[in-house]
Amino acid sequence: MTTATELLAEIEGRLSVAHLEIGDVAVDVRNRWRMSIPARPDYDTDLIISRALDDGEKATSALRAVLALHEEVEVWAFDDVNGAWVTDDDGEKIPLPPVCRECTPHDSLLAIEDCEWSDDYETVPYPCPTVTAITTALSASEAGL
């Protein structure tokens, strides 16, 4: 499954191409685009579409900001008795399900960082409902194309 971050990168790429395309088409006014001098932002085709693309970039930036808050936190199994990471036969630390940095309570995150985490602490699995909602919405818009 494509992540929300990957979907946003694809959207940003398409927005960039669209901006370049508008500039190229606007050079040849015979393509029946409305352009006036002086420019009329609510009438000229290139300005109308450019504004929509700018809005798309702002929305993409806003989604990136939300996703940055809701980042994945890796959690590793820790043996409190021996004071060491629990490892597999190859000596690799054993990962536990990741949690969301924004949704998991601060005291739980501190316990994870201090290797004092236990099942008694409240955590929110990653991807959290926020990341899942963004990913689902972006995936749905991709499927409709």
Protein backbone atom coordinates (compact mmCIF):
# COMPACT_ATOMS: atom_id res chain seq x y z
CA MET A 1 0.00 0.00 0.00
CA THR A 2 1.29 3.45 -0.91
CA THR A 3 1.92 5.67 2.11
CA ALA A 4 0.40 9.12 2.53
CA THR A 5 3.87 10.65 2.22
CA GLU A 6 4.48 8.88 -1.10
CA LEU A 7 1.05 9.97 -2.40
CA LEU A 8 1.78 13.58 -1.44
CA ALA A 9 5.12 13.44 -3.27
CA GLU A 10 3.31 12.26 -6.41
CA ILE A 11 0.73 15.06 -6.08
CA GLU A 12 3.50 17.64 -5.63
CA GLY A 13 5.19 16.36 -8.79
CA ARG A 14 1.98 16.68 -10.80
CA LEU A 15 1.39 20.20 -9.44
CA SER A 16 4.87 21.23 -10.57
CA VAL A 17 4.29 19.85 -14.07
CA ALA A 18 0.90 21.60 -14.26
CA HIS A 19 2.50 24.95 -13.44
CA LEU A 20 5.03 24.48 -16.25
CA GLU A 21 2.32 23.37 -18.67
CA ILE A 22 0.20 26.45 -18.00
CA GLY A 23 3.18 28.67 -18.71
CA ASP A 24 3.91 26.86 -21.97
CA VAL A 25 0.30 26.97 -23.19
CA ALA A 26 -0.13 30.60 -22.20
CA VAL A 27 2.75 31.54 -24.52
CA ASP A 28 0.58 30.46 -27.48
CA VAL A 29 -2.70 32.33 -27.00
CA ARG A 30 -4.19 30.60 -30.04
CA ASN A 31 -5.07 27.73 -27.72
CA ARG A 32 -8.25 29.69 -26.85
CA TRP A 33 -7.19 30.63 -23.39
CA ARG A 34 -8.64 33.87 -22.06
CA MET A 35 -5.85 36.30 -21.34
CA SER A 36 -6.20 40.03 -20.97
CA ILE A 37 -4.05 43.08 -20.49
CA PRO A 38 -4.13 44.23 -17.80
CA ALA A 39 -4.44 40.78 -16.24
CA ARG A 40 -7.78 39.86 -14.68
CA PRO A 41 -7.25 37.14 -12.06
CA ASP A 42 -10.91 36.09 -12.04
CA TYR A 43 -11.17 35.90 -15.86
CA ASP A 44 -7.81 34.88 -17.33
CA THR A 45 -7.55 31.12 -17.70
CA ASP A 46 -3.89 30.88 -16.76
CA LEU A 47 -4.39 32.94 -13.59
CA ILE A 48 -7.47 30.98 -12.53
CA ILE A 49 -5.73 27.64 -12.94
CA SER A 50 -2.50 28.89 -11.38
CA ARG A 51 -4.39 30.05 -8.31
CA ALA A 52 -6.01 26.61 -8.00
CA LEU A 53 -2.61 24.97 -8.29
CA ASP A 54 -1.23 27.33 -5.64
CA ASP A 55 -4.12 26.29 -3.39
CA GLY A 56 -3.28 22.65 -4.07
CA GLU A 57 0.30 23.30 -3.01
CA LYS A 58 -0.90 24.98 0.19
CA ALA A 59 -3.17 22.02 0.95
CA THR A 60 -0.30 19.63 0.28
CA SER A 61 1.92 21.62 2.65
CA ALA A 62 -0.78 21.50 5.30
CA LEU A 63 -1.10 17.73 4.95
CA ARG A 64 2.68 17.35 5.19
CA ALA A 65 2.63 19.38 8.41
CA VAL A 66 -0.04 17.10 9.89
CA LEU A 67 1.86 13.99 8.82
CA ALA A 68 5.06 15.40 10.35
CA LEU A 69 3.25 15.68 13.71
CA HIS A 70 1.86 12.16 13.40
CA GLU A 71 5.18 10.47 12.73
CA GLU A 72 5.95 6.85 13.43
CA VAL A 73 7.89 6.01 16.59
CA GLU A 74 9.75 2.73 16.59
CA VAL A 75 9.41 0.64 19.72
CA TRP A 76 11.80 -2.17 20.58
CA ALA A 77 11.41 -5.01 23.07
CA PHE A 78 13.45 -4.32 26.21
CA ASP A 79 14.30 -6.75 28.98
CA ASP A 80 13.87 -4.81 32.23
CA VAL A 81 15.46 -7.56 34.31
CA ASN A 82 18.71 -7.66 32.32
CA GLY A 83 18.60 -4.01 31.23
CA ALA A 84 19.16 -4.92 27.58
CA TRP A 85 17.31 -5.00 24.27
CA VAL A 86 15.60 -8.28 23.46
CA THR A 87 17.24 -9.70 20.34
CA ASP A 88 16.52 -12.49 17.89
CA ASP A 89 18.89 -15.32 16.96
CA ASP A 90 20.78 -12.97 14.61
CA GLY A 91 21.35 -10.40 17.36
CA GLU A 92 18.84 -7.95 15.85
CA LYS A 93 16.60 -5.97 18.21
CA ILE A 94 13.02 -7.24 18.16
CA PRO A 95 10.61 -4.52 17.03
CA LEU A 96 7.23 -4.04 18.63
CA PRO A 97 4.33 -2.40 16.76
CA PRO A 98 5.15 1.30 16.13
CA VAL A 99 3.17 4.09 17.76
CA CYS A 100 2.10 7.60 16.69
CA ARG A 101 4.16 10.41 18.23
CA GLU A 102 1.26 12.91 18.28
CA CYS A 103 -1.51 10.60 19.50
CA THR A 104 0.42 8.64 22.12
CA PRO A 105 0.44 10.36 25.53
CA HIS A 106 3.65 12.18 26.41
CA ASP A 107 4.37 10.05 29.49
CA SER A 108 4.17 6.91 27.34
CA LEU A 109 6.63 8.39 24.84
CA LEU A 110 9.02 9.26 27.68
CA ALA A 111 8.76 5.71 28.99
CA ILE A 112 9.56 4.37 25.51
CA GLU A 113 12.56 6.68 25.21
CA ASP A 114 13.79 5.72 28.69
CA CYS A 115 13.32 1.98 27.96
CA GLU A 116 10.74 1.82 30.76
CA TRP A 117 7.75 1.15 28.54
CA SER A 118 5.35 -1.63 29.40
CA ASP A 119 1.87 -2.66 28.34
CA ASP A 120 0.56 -0.54 31.21
CA TYR A 121 1.22 2.64 29.20
CA GLU A 122 -1.38 3.90 26.75
CA THR A 123 -0.20 4.07 23.14
CA VAL A 124 -1.84 4.70 19.78
CA PRO A 125 -0.68 2.36 17.02
CA TYR A 126 0.86 3.78 13.86
CA PRO A 127 -0.64 4.53 11.44
CA CYS A 128 -3.06 6.35 13.70
CA PRO A 129 -6.61 7.28 12.63
CA THR A 130 -5.39 10.67 11.33
CA VAL A 131 -2.71 9.16 9.06
CA THR A 132 -5.12 6.43 7.97
CA ALA A 133 -7.79 9.02 7.07
CA ILE A 134 -5.31 11.07 5.02
CA THR A 135 -3.95 7.98 3.26
CA THR A 136 -7.46 6.71 2.51
CA ALA A 137 -8.59 10.09 1.11
CA LEU A 138 -5.49 10.42 -1.07
CA SER A 139 -5.76 6.84 -2.27
CA ALA A 140 -9.44 7.34 -3.14
CA SER A 141 -8.63 10.40 -5.24
CA GLU A 142 -5.90 8.41 -7.02
CA ALA A 143 -8.32 5.55 -7.79
CA GLY A 144 -10.78 8.00 -9.35
CA LEU A 145 -8.32 9.18 -12.00
